[in-house]
Amino acid sequence: MIDYSPMNIKIWSRLGSCGAFGQAALFLPEINDKVVMLTADLCTFSGLDRFKLKYPDYLFNFGIAEQNMVGVAGGFAKEGFVPFATTYATFASMRCADQIKVNMGYMNLPIKLVGLTAGLSVGVLGATHMSLEDVAVMRSVPNVVILSPADCTATIKATIAAAQIDAPVYLRLSGTMNNPIVYKEDFDFEIGKAITLKEGKDVAIIAIGSMVYNSLKAAEILEQNGVSAKVVDMHTIKPLDKEAIQDVLKNKLIVTVEEHSIVGGLGSAVAEELALLKQRPPHLIIGVNGAYPHAASYPYLLDQAGLTPEKIASKIENTYKEIC
């Protein structure tokens, strides 16, 4: 059993989402001896070094051949295994689009595709490694479940949940090492069931991944300025929690926050649900808008994209004042 002690939660946070995934992977063969790990020459970056030592016969390195890796994952899944295929999120979603369509979408094989360092977290490597379109790509493929955990504790939970569901899953891991902690103790994680982290009556902020923590901090700033903000962790982007969407309709403004393009991601998913309603509050989509940023550090890129707590709060407050 995994020990969700304060000490372990701190350790996972220091390791970052990739390291936390590697920690969760160590427990998976104990839960299901059909679990295998696949990597495209990113064993260390996938947090799988300890897994390789403990289960050398359960890990397969395909080199820099991501498409081949997903194809072989389909073969493993067809034979009853539970394959986790790991690589950078931008390569997982974009380079392997055809294999995803055929093996995960059309054939509905329970491949678990793990997108490492999603968003801007490896922005120092430039636009080729920034993953700002992956959710949009994966949302368009039938049958694929999309998970975006808020922190490293949630990454542990999401990894285990992915292993236990008989469906293709895209696990989107965002943030860096020393990932801020959202969940400080054990909690219930259910695919397709959002988690309300803070109540508020004026604004409802729905966030995913790394932006959950920043949204909580933005909510604190808004509270100081007289705006009451609800914060929801929509860790499952697909299938979207429609009950959670219904619950935020009583707020005066709905805001979605994501470390992803404003096109095709969480904001688009929520907007599609809101479009079916006759009466709904305004919806503000906060994400990466515009051309690809130049290579730079993660904090700098978040600031330039307007995804820091201060800039998120400012955007929300300005919009809220306009509508009220």
C-alpha atoms as a PDB file:
ATOM      1  CA  MET A   1       0.000   0.000   0.000  1.00  0.00           C
ATOM      2  CA  ILE A   2       1.122   3.537  -0.719  1.00  0.00           C
ATOM      3  CA  ASP A   3       1.741   5.640   2.374  1.00  0.00           C
ATOM      4  CA  TYR A   4       0.332   9.151   1.887  1.00  0.00           C
ATOM      5  CA  SER A   5       2.271  10.520   4.835  1.00  0.00           C
ATOM      6  CA  PRO A   6       3.326  14.178   5.062  1.00  0.00           C
ATOM      7  CA  MET A   7       6.937  13.086   4.562  1.00  0.00           C
ATOM      8  CA  ASN A   8       6.198  11.117   1.384  1.00  0.00           C
ATOM      9  CA  ILE A   9       4.051  13.917   0.006  1.00  0.00           C
ATOM     10  CA  LYS A  10       6.954  16.335   0.491  1.00  0.00           C
ATOM     11  CA  ILE A  11       9.352  13.914  -1.189  1.00  0.00           C
ATOM     12  CA  TRP A  12       7.031  13.475  -4.177  1.00  0.00           C
ATOM     13  CA  SER A  13       6.719  17.240  -4.442  1.00  0.00           C
ATOM     14  CA  ARG A  14      10.492  17.642  -4.575  1.00  0.00           C
ATOM     15  CA  LEU A  15      10.759  14.969  -7.268  1.00  0.00           C
ATOM     16  CA  GLY A  16       8.188  16.681  -9.477  1.00  0.00           C
ATOM     17  CA  SER A  17       5.415  15.042 -11.461  1.00  0.00           C
ATOM     18  CA  CYS A  18       7.747  12.814 -13.488  1.00  0.00           C
ATOM     19  CA  GLY A  19       9.494  11.577 -10.367  1.00  0.00           C
ATOM     20  CA  ALA A  20       6.155  11.028  -8.637  1.00  0.00           C
ATOM     21  CA  PHE A  21       4.967   8.991 -11.611  1.00  0.00           C
ATOM     22  CA  GLY A  22       8.081   6.851 -11.215  1.00  0.00           C
ATOM     23  CA  GLN A  23       7.268   6.337  -7.535  1.00  0.00           C
ATOM     24  CA  ALA A  24       3.721   5.258  -8.385  1.00  0.00           C
ATOM     25  CA  ALA A  25       5.061   2.909 -11.069  1.00  0.00           C
ATOM     26  CA  LEU A  26       6.949   0.947  -8.411  1.00  0.00           C
ATOM     27  CA  PHE A  27       3.643  -0.156  -6.884  1.00  0.00           C
ATOM     28  CA  LEU A  28       1.811  -1.042 -10.092  1.00  0.00           C
ATOM     29  CA  PRO A  29       3.173  -4.588 -10.628  1.00  0.00           C
ATOM     30  CA  GLU A  30       1.992  -5.374  -7.090  1.00  0.00           C
ATOM     31  CA  ILE A  31      -1.506  -4.230  -8.052  1.00  0.00           C
ATOM     32  CA  ASN A  32      -1.467  -5.875 -11.483  1.00  0.00           C
ATOM     33  CA  ASP A  33       1.359  -8.121 -12.676  1.00  0.00           C
ATOM     34  CA  LYS A  34       0.399  -7.346 -16.290  1.00  0.00           C
ATOM     35  CA  VAL A  35       1.701  -3.759 -16.043  1.00  0.00           C
ATOM     36  CA  VAL A  36       4.696  -2.962 -18.263  1.00  0.00           C
ATOM     37  CA  MET A  37       6.576   0.309 -18.762  1.00  0.00           C
ATOM     38  CA  LEU A  38       7.684   1.579 -22.169  1.00  0.00           C
ATOM     39  CA  THR A  39       9.994   4.530 -22.730  1.00  0.00           C
ATOM     40  CA  ALA A  40      11.369   6.367 -25.744  1.00  0.00           C
ATOM     41  CA  ASP A  41      14.903   6.784 -24.402  1.00  0.00           C
ATOM     42  CA  LEU A  42      13.626   8.761 -21.403  1.00  0.00           C
ATOM     43  CA  CYS A  43      13.924   6.235 -18.593  1.00  0.00           C
ATOM     44  CA  THR A  44      15.466   8.734 -16.163  1.00  0.00           C
ATOM     45  CA  PHE A  45      13.207  11.643 -17.160  1.00  0.00           C
ATOM     46  CA  SER A  46      10.217   9.323 -16.782  1.00  0.00           C
ATOM     47  CA  GLY A  47      11.262   8.634 -13.199  1.00  0.00           C
ATOM     48  CA  LEU A  48      11.682   4.945 -14.040  1.00  0.00           C
ATOM     49  CA  ASP A  49      15.280   4.269 -12.957  1.00  0.00           C
ATOM     50  CA  ARG A  50      14.177   2.534  -9.739  1.00  0.00           C
ATOM     51  CA  PHE A  51      11.484   0.656 -11.624  1.00  0.00           C
ATOM     52  CA  LYS A  52      14.146  -0.604 -14.046  1.00  0.00           C
ATOM     53  CA  LEU A  53      16.253  -1.900 -11.166  1.00  0.00           C
ATOM     54  CA  LYS A  54      13.324  -3.551  -9.384  1.00  0.00           C
ATOM     55  CA  TYR A  55      11.507  -4.894 -12.449  1.00  0.00           C
ATOM     56  CA  PRO A  56      14.082  -5.130 -15.287  1.00  0.00           C
ATOM     57  CA  ASP A  57      11.869  -7.529 -17.264  1.00  0.00           C
ATOM     58  CA  TYR A  58       8.920  -5.113 -17.149  1.00  0.00           C
ATOM     59  CA  LEU A  59      10.604  -2.109 -18.794  1.00  0.00           C
ATOM     60  CA  PHE A  60      11.252  -1.683 -22.523  1.00  0.00           C
ATOM     61  CA  ASN A  61      13.288   1.121 -24.079  1.00  0.00           C
ATOM     62  CA  PHE A  62      12.488   1.869 -27.722  1.00  0.00           C
ATOM     63  CA  GLY A  63      15.002   4.650 -28.227  1.00  0.00           C
ATOM     64  CA  ILE A  64      13.899   7.845 -29.934  1.00  0.00           C
ATOM     65  CA  ALA A  65      11.086   6.054 -31.773  1.00  0.00           C
ATOM     66  CA  GLU A  66       7.885   7.252 -30.131  1.00  0.00           C
ATOM     67  CA  GLN A  67       5.545   6.068 -32.894  1.00  0.00           C
ATOM     68  CA  ASN A  68       6.987   2.578 -32.741  1.00  0.00           C
ATOM     69  CA  MET A  69       6.619   2.623 -28.948  1.00  0.00           C
ATOM     70  CA  VAL A  70       2.883   3.373 -29.129  1.00  0.00           C
ATOM     71  CA  GLY A  71       2.449   0.722 -31.818  1.00  0.00           C
ATOM     72  CA  VAL A  72       4.144  -1.885 -29.635  1.00  0.00           C
ATOM     73  CA  ALA A  73       2.054  -0.683 -26.673  1.00  0.00           C
ATOM     74  CA  GLY A  74      -0.966  -1.604 -28.768  1.00  0.00           C
ATOM     75  CA  GLY A  75       0.463  -5.098 -29.203  1.00  0.00           C
ATOM     76  CA  PHE A  76       1.030  -5.434 -25.462  1.00  0.00           C
ATOM     77  CA  ALA A  77      -2.529  -4.258 -24.754  1.00  0.00           C
ATOM     78  CA  LYS A  78      -3.944  -6.684 -27.324  1.00  0.00           C
ATOM     79  CA  GLU A  79      -2.246  -9.530 -25.444  1.00  0.00           C
ATOM     80  CA  GLY A  80      -3.752  -8.523 -22.101  1.00  0.00           C
ATOM     81  CA  PHE A  81      -0.948  -6.402 -20.698  1.00  0.00           C
ATOM     82  CA  VAL A  82      -1.355  -2.892 -19.243  1.00  0.00           C
ATOM     83  CA  PRO A  83       1.266  -0.810 -21.060  1.00  0.00           C
ATOM     84  CA  PHE A  84       2.369   2.636 -19.878  1.00  0.00           C
ATOM     85  CA  ALA A  85       4.112   4.412 -22.780  1.00  0.00           C
ATOM     86  CA  THR A  86       6.133   7.419 -21.583  1.00  0.00           C
ATOM     87  CA  THR A  87       7.731  10.348 -23.389  1.00  0.00           C
ATOM     88  CA  TYR A  88       7.588  14.141 -23.551  1.00  0.00           C
ATOM     89  CA  ALA A  89       3.985  15.274 -23.910  1.00  0.00           C
ATOM     90  CA  THR A  90       4.603  17.072 -27.188  1.00  0.00           C
ATOM     91  CA  PHE A  91       6.023  13.905 -28.785  1.00  0.00           C
ATOM     92  CA  ALA A  92       3.419  11.644 -27.169  1.00  0.00           C
ATOM     93  CA  SER A  93       0.466  13.570 -28.542  1.00  0.00           C
ATOM     94  CA  MET A  94       1.694  15.118 -31.801  1.00  0.00           C
ATOM     95  CA  ARG A  95       4.342  12.784 -33.190  1.00  0.00           C
ATOM     96  CA  CYS A  96       2.255   9.710 -32.405  1.00  0.00           C
ATOM     97  CA  ALA A  97      -1.103  11.082 -33.564  1.00  0.00           C
ATOM     98  CA  ASP A  98      -1.731   8.354 -36.150  1.00  0.00           C
ATOM     99  CA  GLN A  99      -0.847   5.536 -33.753  1.00  0.00           C
ATOM    100  CA  ILE A 100      -3.065   7.141 -31.105  1.00  0.00           C
ATOM    101  CA  LYS A 101      -5.965   7.369 -33.539  1.00  0.00           C
ATOM    102  CA  VAL A 102      -5.669   3.752 -34.638  1.00  0.00           C
ATOM    103  CA  ASN A 103      -4.609   1.944 -31.449  1.00  0.00           C
ATOM    104  CA  MET A 104      -6.195   4.043 -28.708  1.00  0.00           C
ATOM    105  CA  GLY A 105      -9.146   5.547 -30.550  1.00  0.00           C
ATOM    106  CA  TYR A 106     -10.303   3.140 -33.244  1.00  0.00           C
ATOM    107  CA  MET A 107      -9.157  -0.132 -31.612  1.00  0.00           C
ATOM    108  CA  ASN A 108      -9.935   1.184 -28.108  1.00  0.00           C
ATOM    109  CA  LEU A 109      -6.926  -0.593 -26.620  1.00  0.00           C
ATOM    110  CA  PRO A 110      -6.163   0.261 -22.973  1.00  0.00           C
ATOM    111  CA  ILE A 111      -2.820   1.951 -23.617  1.00  0.00           C
ATOM    112  CA  LYS A 112      -1.762   4.418 -20.920  1.00  0.00           C
ATOM    113  CA  LEU A 113       0.103   7.205 -22.712  1.00  0.00           C
ATOM    114  CA  VAL A 114       2.057   9.377 -20.292  1.00  0.00           C
ATOM    115  CA  GLY A 115       2.840  12.917 -21.465  1.00  0.00           C
ATOM    116  CA  LEU A 116       5.817  14.155 -19.453  1.00  0.00           C
ATOM    117  CA  THR A 117       6.637  17.833 -18.835  1.00  0.00           C
ATOM    118  CA  ALA A 118       3.449  19.132 -20.445  1.00  0.00           C
ATOM    119  CA  GLY A 119       2.945  22.829 -21.040  1.00  0.00           C
ATOM    120  CA  LEU A 120       5.900  25.176 -20.637  1.00  0.00           C
ATOM    121  CA  SER A 121       7.941  23.327 -18.029  1.00  0.00           C
ATOM    122  CA  VAL A 122      10.830  22.425 -20.380  1.00  0.00           C
ATOM    123  CA  GLY A 123      10.618  25.718 -22.233  1.00  0.00           C
ATOM    124  CA  VAL A 124      14.384  26.126 -22.011  1.00  0.00           C
ATOM    125  CA  LEU A 125      14.528  23.564 -24.835  1.00  0.00           C
ATOM    126  CA  GLY A 126      12.405  25.757 -27.069  1.00  0.00           C
ATOM    127  CA  ALA A 127       9.078  25.513 -28.848  1.00  0.00           C
ATOM    128  CA  THR A 128       9.742  21.957 -30.071  1.00  0.00           C
ATOM    129  CA  HIS A 129       9.463  20.722 -26.489  1.00  0.00           C
ATOM    130  CA  MET A 130       6.606  22.960 -25.327  1.00  0.00           C
ATOM    131  CA  SER A 131       3.384  20.981 -25.241  1.00  0.00           C
ATOM    132  CA  LEU A 132       0.532  23.447 -25.687  1.00  0.00           C
ATOM    133  CA  GLU A 133      -1.673  21.479 -28.087  1.00  0.00           C
ATOM    134  CA  ASP A 134      -1.723  17.991 -26.564  1.00  0.00           C
ATOM    135  CA  VAL A 135      -5.112  18.213 -24.851  1.00  0.00           C
ATOM    136  CA  ALA A 136      -6.696  19.527 -28.045  1.00  0.00           C
ATOM    137  CA  VAL A 137      -5.274  16.585 -30.000  1.00  0.00           C
ATOM    138  CA  MET A 138      -6.248  13.948 -27.453  1.00  0.00           C
ATOM    139  CA  ARG A 139      -9.759  15.357 -26.901  1.00  0.00           C
ATOM    140  CA  SER A 140     -10.514  14.845 -30.576  1.00  0.00           C
ATOM    141  CA  VAL A 141      -9.771  11.096 -30.427  1.00  0.00           C
ATOM    142  CA  PRO A 142     -12.744   8.924 -29.402  1.00  0.00           C
ATOM    143  CA  ASN A 143     -12.538   6.688 -26.313  1.00  0.00           C
ATOM    144  CA  VAL A 144      -9.452   8.346 -24.772  1.00  0.00           C
ATOM    145  CA  VAL A 145      -9.671   9.382 -21.107  1.00  0.00           C
ATOM    146  CA  ILE A 146      -7.592  12.495 -20.301  1.00  0.00           C
ATOM    147  CA  LEU A 147      -6.190  13.043 -16.799  1.00  0.00           C
ATOM    148  CA  SER A 148      -4.298  16.128 -15.643  1.00  0.00           C
ATOM    149  CA  PRO A 149      -3.306  15.829 -11.955  1.00  0.00           C
ATOM    150  CA  ALA A 150      -2.877  19.002  -9.911  1.00  0.00           C
ATOM    151  CA  ASP A 151       0.244  18.008  -7.989  1.00  0.00           C
ATOM    152  CA  CYS A 152       2.481  15.060  -7.215  1.00  0.00           C
ATOM    153  CA  THR A 153       0.099  13.469  -4.721  1.00  0.00           C
ATOM    154  CA  ALA A 154      -2.600  13.606  -7.381  1.00  0.00           C
ATOM    155  CA  THR A 155      -0.110  12.173  -9.891  1.00  0.00           C
ATOM    156  CA  ILE A 156       0.261   9.085  -7.702  1.00  0.00           C
ATOM    157  CA  LYS A 157      -3.526   8.764  -7.532  1.00  0.00           C
ATOM    158  CA  ALA A 158      -4.037   9.348 -11.259  1.00  0.00           C
ATOM    159  CA  THR A 159      -1.373   6.811 -12.221  1.00  0.00           C
ATOM    160  CA  ILE A 160      -2.998   4.100 -10.129  1.00  0.00           C
ATOM    161  CA  ALA A 161      -6.453   5.018 -11.444  1.00  0.00           C
ATOM    162  CA  ALA A 162      -5.156   4.834 -15.027  1.00  0.00           C
ATOM    163  CA  ALA A 163      -3.791   1.348 -14.394  1.00  0.00           C
ATOM    164  CA  GLN A 164      -7.130   0.157 -13.028  1.00  0.00           C
ATOM    165  CA  ILE A 165      -9.462   1.441 -15.749  1.00  0.00           C
ATOM    166  CA  ASP A 166     -10.014  -0.696 -18.839  1.00  0.00           C
ATOM    167  CA  ALA A 167      -9.701   2.186 -21.302  1.00  0.00           C
ATOM    168  CA  PRO A 168      -7.057   4.149 -23.200  1.00  0.00           C
ATOM    169  CA  VAL A 169      -5.744   6.971 -21.034  1.00  0.00           C
ATOM    170  CA  TYR A 170      -3.655  10.066 -21.656  1.00  0.00           C
ATOM    171  CA  LEU A 171      -1.935  11.103 -18.420  1.00  0.00           C
ATOM    172  CA  ARG A 172      -0.777  14.715 -18.716  1.00  0.00           C
ATOM    173  CA  LEU A 173       1.985  15.597 -16.241  1.00  0.00           C
ATOM    174  CA  SER A 174       2.796  19.276 -15.773  1.00  0.00           C
ATOM    175  CA  GLY A 175       5.040  21.358 -13.556  1.00  0.00           C
ATOM    176  CA  THR A 176       8.655  20.926 -12.535  1.00  0.00           C
ATOM    177  CA  MET A 177      10.636  19.623  -9.581  1.00  0.00           C
ATOM    178  CA  ASN A 178       9.648  21.164  -6.240  1.00  0.00           C
ATOM    179  CA  ASN A 179       6.084  21.071  -7.500  1.00  0.00           C
ATOM    180  CA  PRO A 180       3.763  23.055  -5.164  1.00  0.00           C
ATOM    181  CA  ILE A 181       1.576  20.856  -2.974  1.00  0.00           C
ATOM    182  CA  VAL A 182      -2.209  21.047  -3.403  1.00  0.00           C
ATOM    183  CA  TYR A 183      -3.176  17.822  -1.618  1.00  0.00           C
ATOM    184  CA  LYS A 184      -1.432  17.625   1.751  1.00  0.00           C
ATOM    185  CA  GLU A 185      -2.982  14.313   2.761  1.00  0.00           C
ATOM    186  CA  ASP A 186      -4.705  11.270   1.312  1.00  0.00           C
ATOM    187  CA  PHE A 187      -7.862  12.017  -0.672  1.00  0.00           C
ATOM    188  CA  ASP A 188     -10.408  10.316  -2.901  1.00  0.00           C
ATOM    189  CA  PHE A 189      -9.562  10.431  -6.601  1.00  0.00           C
ATOM    190  CA  GLU A 190     -12.238   9.285  -9.013  1.00  0.00           C
ATOM    191  CA  ILE A 191     -11.922   9.520 -12.787  1.00  0.00           C
ATOM    192  CA  GLY A 192     -14.583  11.888 -14.114  1.00  0.00           C
ATOM    193  CA  LYS A 193     -15.329  13.450 -10.710  1.00  0.00           C
ATOM    194  CA  ALA A 194     -13.957  16.968 -10.147  1.00  0.00           C
ATOM    195  CA  ILE A 195     -12.869  18.138  -6.698  1.00  0.00           C
ATOM    196  CA  THR A 196     -13.953  21.445  -5.185  1.00  0.00           C
ATOM    197  CA  LEU A 197     -11.001  22.823  -3.228  1.00  0.00           C
ATOM    198  CA  LYS A 198     -12.503  26.141  -2.180  1.00  0.00           C
ATOM    199  CA  GLU A 199     -16.020  27.534  -2.082  1.00  0.00           C
ATOM    200  CA  GLY A 200     -16.919  30.999  -3.392  1.00  0.00           C
ATOM    201  CA  LYS A 201     -20.022  32.843  -4.538  1.00  0.00           C
ATOM    202  CA  ASP A 202     -18.798  35.388  -7.113  1.00  0.00           C
ATOM    203  CA  VAL A 203     -16.370  33.613  -9.435  1.00  0.00           C
ATOM    204  CA  ALA A 204     -15.842  29.918 -10.182  1.00  0.00           C
ATOM    205  CA  ILE A 205     -12.301  29.001 -11.270  1.00  0.00           C
ATOM    206  CA  ILE A 206     -11.950  25.620 -12.950  1.00  0.00           C
ATOM    207  CA  ALA A 207      -8.317  24.590 -13.377  1.00  0.00           C
ATOM    208  CA  ILE A 208      -6.145  21.647 -14.377  1.00  0.00           C
ATOM    209  CA  GLY A 209      -2.629  20.466 -13.646  1.00  0.00           C
ATOM    210  CA  SER A 210      -0.086  23.042 -12.523  1.00  0.00           C
ATOM    211  CA  MET A 211      -2.672  25.801 -12.704  1.00  0.00           C
ATOM    212  CA  VAL A 212      -4.726  24.406  -9.814  1.00  0.00           C
ATOM    213  CA  TYR A 213      -2.207  25.679  -7.266  1.00  0.00           C
ATOM    214  CA  ASN A 214      -1.845  29.010  -9.066  1.00  0.00           C
ATOM    215  CA  SER A 215      -5.627  29.346  -9.157  1.00  0.00           C
ATOM    216  CA  LEU A 216      -5.847  28.758  -5.407  1.00  0.00           C
ATOM    217  CA  LYS A 217      -3.283  31.513  -4.888  1.00  0.00           C
ATOM    218  CA  ALA A 218      -5.167  33.764  -7.326  1.00  0.00           C
ATOM    219  CA  ALA A 219      -8.339  33.124  -5.317  1.00  0.00           C
ATOM    220  CA  GLU A 220      -6.560  34.356  -2.183  1.00  0.00           C
ATOM    221  CA  ILE A 221      -5.641  37.585  -3.976  1.00  0.00           C
ATOM    222  CA  LEU A 222      -9.212  37.992  -5.217  1.00  0.00           C
ATOM    223  CA  GLU A 223     -10.555  37.497  -1.688  1.00  0.00           C
ATOM    224  CA  GLN A 224      -8.340  40.335  -0.475  1.00  0.00           C
ATOM    225  CA  ASN A 225      -9.910  42.510  -3.167  1.00  0.00           C
ATOM    226  CA  GLY A 226     -13.458  41.597  -2.214  1.00  0.00           C
ATOM    227  CA  VAL A 227     -14.134  38.914  -4.839  1.00  0.00           C
ATOM    228  CA  SER A 228     -15.211  35.510  -3.533  1.00  0.00           C
ATOM    229  CA  ALA A 229     -13.764  32.729  -5.705  1.00  0.00           C
ATOM    230  CA  LYS A 230     -14.621  29.046  -5.887  1.00  0.00           C
ATOM    231  CA  VAL A 231     -11.799  26.769  -7.091  1.00  0.00           C
ATOM    232  CA  VAL A 232     -12.402  23.411  -8.785  1.00  0.00           C
ATOM    233  CA  ASP A 233      -9.761  20.846  -9.723  1.00  0.00           C
ATOM    234  CA  MET A 234     -11.056  19.369 -13.011  1.00  0.00           C
ATOM    235  CA  HIS A 235      -8.425  16.637 -13.044  1.00  0.00           C
ATOM    236  CA  THR A 236     -10.374  14.666 -15.638  1.00  0.00           C
ATOM    237  CA  ILE A 237     -10.722  16.674 -18.833  1.00  0.00           C
ATOM    238  CA  LYS A 238     -12.394  13.797 -20.647  1.00  0.00           C
ATOM    239  CA  PRO A 239     -14.949  12.659 -19.654  1.00  0.00           C
ATOM    240  CA  LEU A 240     -15.742  16.088 -18.209  1.00  0.00           C
ATOM    241  CA  ASP A 241     -17.666  16.245 -14.936  1.00  0.00           C
ATOM    242  CA  LYS A 242     -20.969  17.752 -16.124  1.00  0.00           C
ATOM    243  CA  GLU A 243     -22.356  17.888 -12.600  1.00  0.00           C
ATOM    244  CA  ALA A 244     -19.447  20.109 -11.596  1.00  0.00           C
ATOM    245  CA  ILE A 245     -20.260  22.406 -14.526  1.00  0.00           C
ATOM    246  CA  GLN A 246     -23.885  22.606 -13.382  1.00  0.00           C
ATOM    247  CA  ASP A 247     -22.715  23.441  -9.867  1.00  0.00           C
ATOM    248  CA  VAL A 248     -20.779  26.545 -10.960  1.00  0.00           C
ATOM    249  CA  LEU A 249     -23.663  28.077 -12.919  1.00  0.00           C
ATOM    250  CA  LYS A 250     -24.766  29.966  -9.815  1.00  0.00           C
ATOM    251  CA  ASN A 251     -21.570  32.012  -9.923  1.00  0.00           C
ATOM    252  CA  LYS A 252     -21.473  35.310 -11.808  1.00  0.00           C
ATOM    253  CA  LEU A 253     -18.376  34.395 -13.825  1.00  0.00           C
ATOM    254  CA  ILE A 254     -16.863  31.061 -14.861  1.00  0.00           C
ATOM    255  CA  VAL A 255     -13.108  31.000 -15.450  1.00  0.00           C
ATOM    256  CA  THR A 256     -10.998  28.167 -16.844  1.00  0.00           C
ATOM    257  CA  VAL A 257      -7.230  28.181 -16.300  1.00  0.00           C
ATOM    258  CA  GLU A 258      -4.796  25.877 -18.080  1.00  0.00           C
ATOM    259  CA  GLU A 259      -1.134  25.664 -19.045  1.00  0.00           C
ATOM    260  CA  HIS A 260      -2.202  24.932 -22.599  1.00  0.00           C
ATOM    261  CA  SER A 261      -3.408  26.785 -25.666  1.00  0.00           C
ATOM    262  CA  ILE A 262      -6.737  28.541 -25.182  1.00  0.00           C
ATOM    263  CA  VAL A 263      -7.868  26.595 -28.277  1.00  0.00           C
ATOM    264  CA  GLY A 264      -9.080  23.041 -27.810  1.00  0.00           C
ATOM    265  CA  GLY A 265      -8.176  22.495 -24.160  1.00  0.00           C
ATOM    266  CA  LEU A 266     -10.069  22.724 -20.879  1.00  0.00           C
ATOM    267  CA  GLY A 267     -11.573  26.084 -21.793  1.00  0.00           C
ATOM    268  CA  SER A 268     -12.975  24.693 -25.017  1.00  0.00           C
ATOM    269  CA  ALA A 269     -14.335  21.598 -23.265  1.00  0.00           C
ATOM    270  CA  VAL A 270     -16.175  23.702 -20.690  1.00  0.00           C
ATOM    271  CA  ALA A 271     -17.376  26.152 -23.357  1.00  0.00           C
ATOM    272  CA  GLU A 272     -18.887  23.272 -25.337  1.00  0.00           C
ATOM    273  CA  GLU A 273     -20.920  22.255 -22.287  1.00  0.00           C
ATOM    274  CA  LEU A 274     -21.997  25.823 -21.559  1.00  0.00           C
ATOM    275  CA  ALA A 275     -23.084  26.325 -25.172  1.00  0.00           C
ATOM    276  CA  LEU A 276     -25.844  23.746 -24.660  1.00  0.00           C
ATOM    277  CA  LEU A 277     -27.444  25.786 -21.886  1.00  0.00           C
ATOM    278  CA  LYS A 278     -30.049  28.483 -22.404  1.00  0.00           C
ATOM    279  CA  GLN A 279     -28.837  30.544 -19.456  1.00  0.00           C
ATOM    280  CA  ARG A 280     -25.239  30.670 -18.363  1.00  0.00           C
ATOM    281  CA  PRO A 281     -22.785  33.141 -16.842  1.00  0.00           C
ATOM    282  CA  PRO A 282     -19.924  34.637 -18.898  1.00  0.00           C
ATOM    283  CA  HIS A 283     -16.904  32.410 -19.392  1.00  0.00           C
ATOM    284  CA  LEU A 284     -13.295  33.644 -19.310  1.00  0.00           C
ATOM    285  CA  ILE A 285     -10.672  31.297 -20.797  1.00  0.00           C
ATOM    286  CA  ILE A 286      -7.155  31.796 -19.428  1.00  0.00           C
ATOM    287  CA  GLY A 287      -4.288  29.941 -21.076  1.00  0.00           C
ATOM    288  CA  VAL A 288      -1.512  30.427 -23.596  1.00  0.00           C
ATOM    289  CA  ASN A 289      -2.675  32.771 -26.326  1.00  0.00           C
ATOM    290  CA  GLY A 290      -0.710  33.565 -29.474  1.00  0.00           C
ATOM    291  CA  ALA A 291       2.498  32.383 -31.083  1.00  0.00           C
ATOM    292  CA  TYR A 292       5.021  29.983 -29.580  1.00  0.00           C
ATOM    293  CA  PRO A 293       7.201  31.677 -26.945  1.00  0.00           C
ATOM    294  CA  HIS A 294      10.957  31.774 -27.302  1.00  0.00           C
ATOM    295  CA  ALA A 295      13.058  29.413 -25.195  1.00  0.00           C
ATOM    296  CA  ALA A 296      13.269  30.642 -21.606  1.00  0.00           C
ATOM    297  CA  SER A 297      12.994  29.519 -17.994  1.00  0.00           C
ATOM    298  CA  TYR A 298       9.721  28.107 -16.710  1.00  0.00           C
ATOM    299  CA  PRO A 299       8.924  30.991 -14.311  1.00  0.00           C
ATOM    300  CA  TYR A 300       9.613  33.527 -17.064  1.00  0.00           C
ATOM    301  CA  LEU A 301       7.377  31.719 -19.546  1.00  0.00           C
ATOM    302  CA  LEU A 302       4.531  31.467 -17.037  1.00  0.00           C
ATOM    303  CA  ASP A 303       4.822  35.181 -16.379  1.00  0.00           C
ATOM    304  CA  GLN A 304       4.869  36.005 -20.092  1.00  0.00           C
ATOM    305  CA  ALA A 305       1.807  33.821 -20.645  1.00  0.00           C
ATOM    306  CA  GLY A 306      -0.048  35.523 -17.803  1.00  0.00           C
ATOM    307  CA  LEU A 307      -0.287  32.310 -15.783  1.00  0.00           C
ATOM    308  CA  THR A 308       1.165  33.495 -12.475  1.00  0.00           C
ATOM    309  CA  PRO A 309      -1.279  33.855  -9.555  1.00  0.00           C
ATOM    310  CA  GLU A 310      -1.035  37.639  -9.703  1.00  0.00           C
ATOM    311  CA  LYS A 311      -1.783  37.861 -13.422  1.00  0.00           C
ATOM    312  CA  ILE A 312      -4.550  35.263 -13.228  1.00  0.00           C
ATOM    313  CA  ALA A 313      -6.178  37.236 -10.427  1.00  0.00           C
ATOM    314  CA  SER A 314      -5.817  40.497 -12.347  1.00  0.00           C
ATOM    315  CA  LYS A 315      -7.489  39.068 -15.469  1.00  0.00           C
ATOM    316  CA  ILE A 316     -10.338  37.656 -13.420  1.00  0.00           C
ATOM    317  CA  GLU A 317     -10.867  40.818 -11.396  1.00  0.00           C
ATOM    318  CA  ASN A 318     -10.903  43.036 -14.485  1.00  0.00           C
ATOM    319  CA  THR A 319     -13.435  40.809 -16.240  1.00  0.00           C
ATOM    320  CA  TYR A 320     -15.555  40.496 -13.117  1.00  0.00           C
ATOM    321  CA  LYS A 321     -15.731  44.287 -12.771  1.00  0.00           C
ATOM    322  CA  GLU A 322     -16.802  44.593 -16.420  1.00  0.00           C
ATOM    323  CA  ILE A 323     -19.753  42.240 -16.028  1.00  0.00           C
ATOM    324  CA  CYS A 324     -20.806  43.492 -12.614  1.00  0.00           C
END
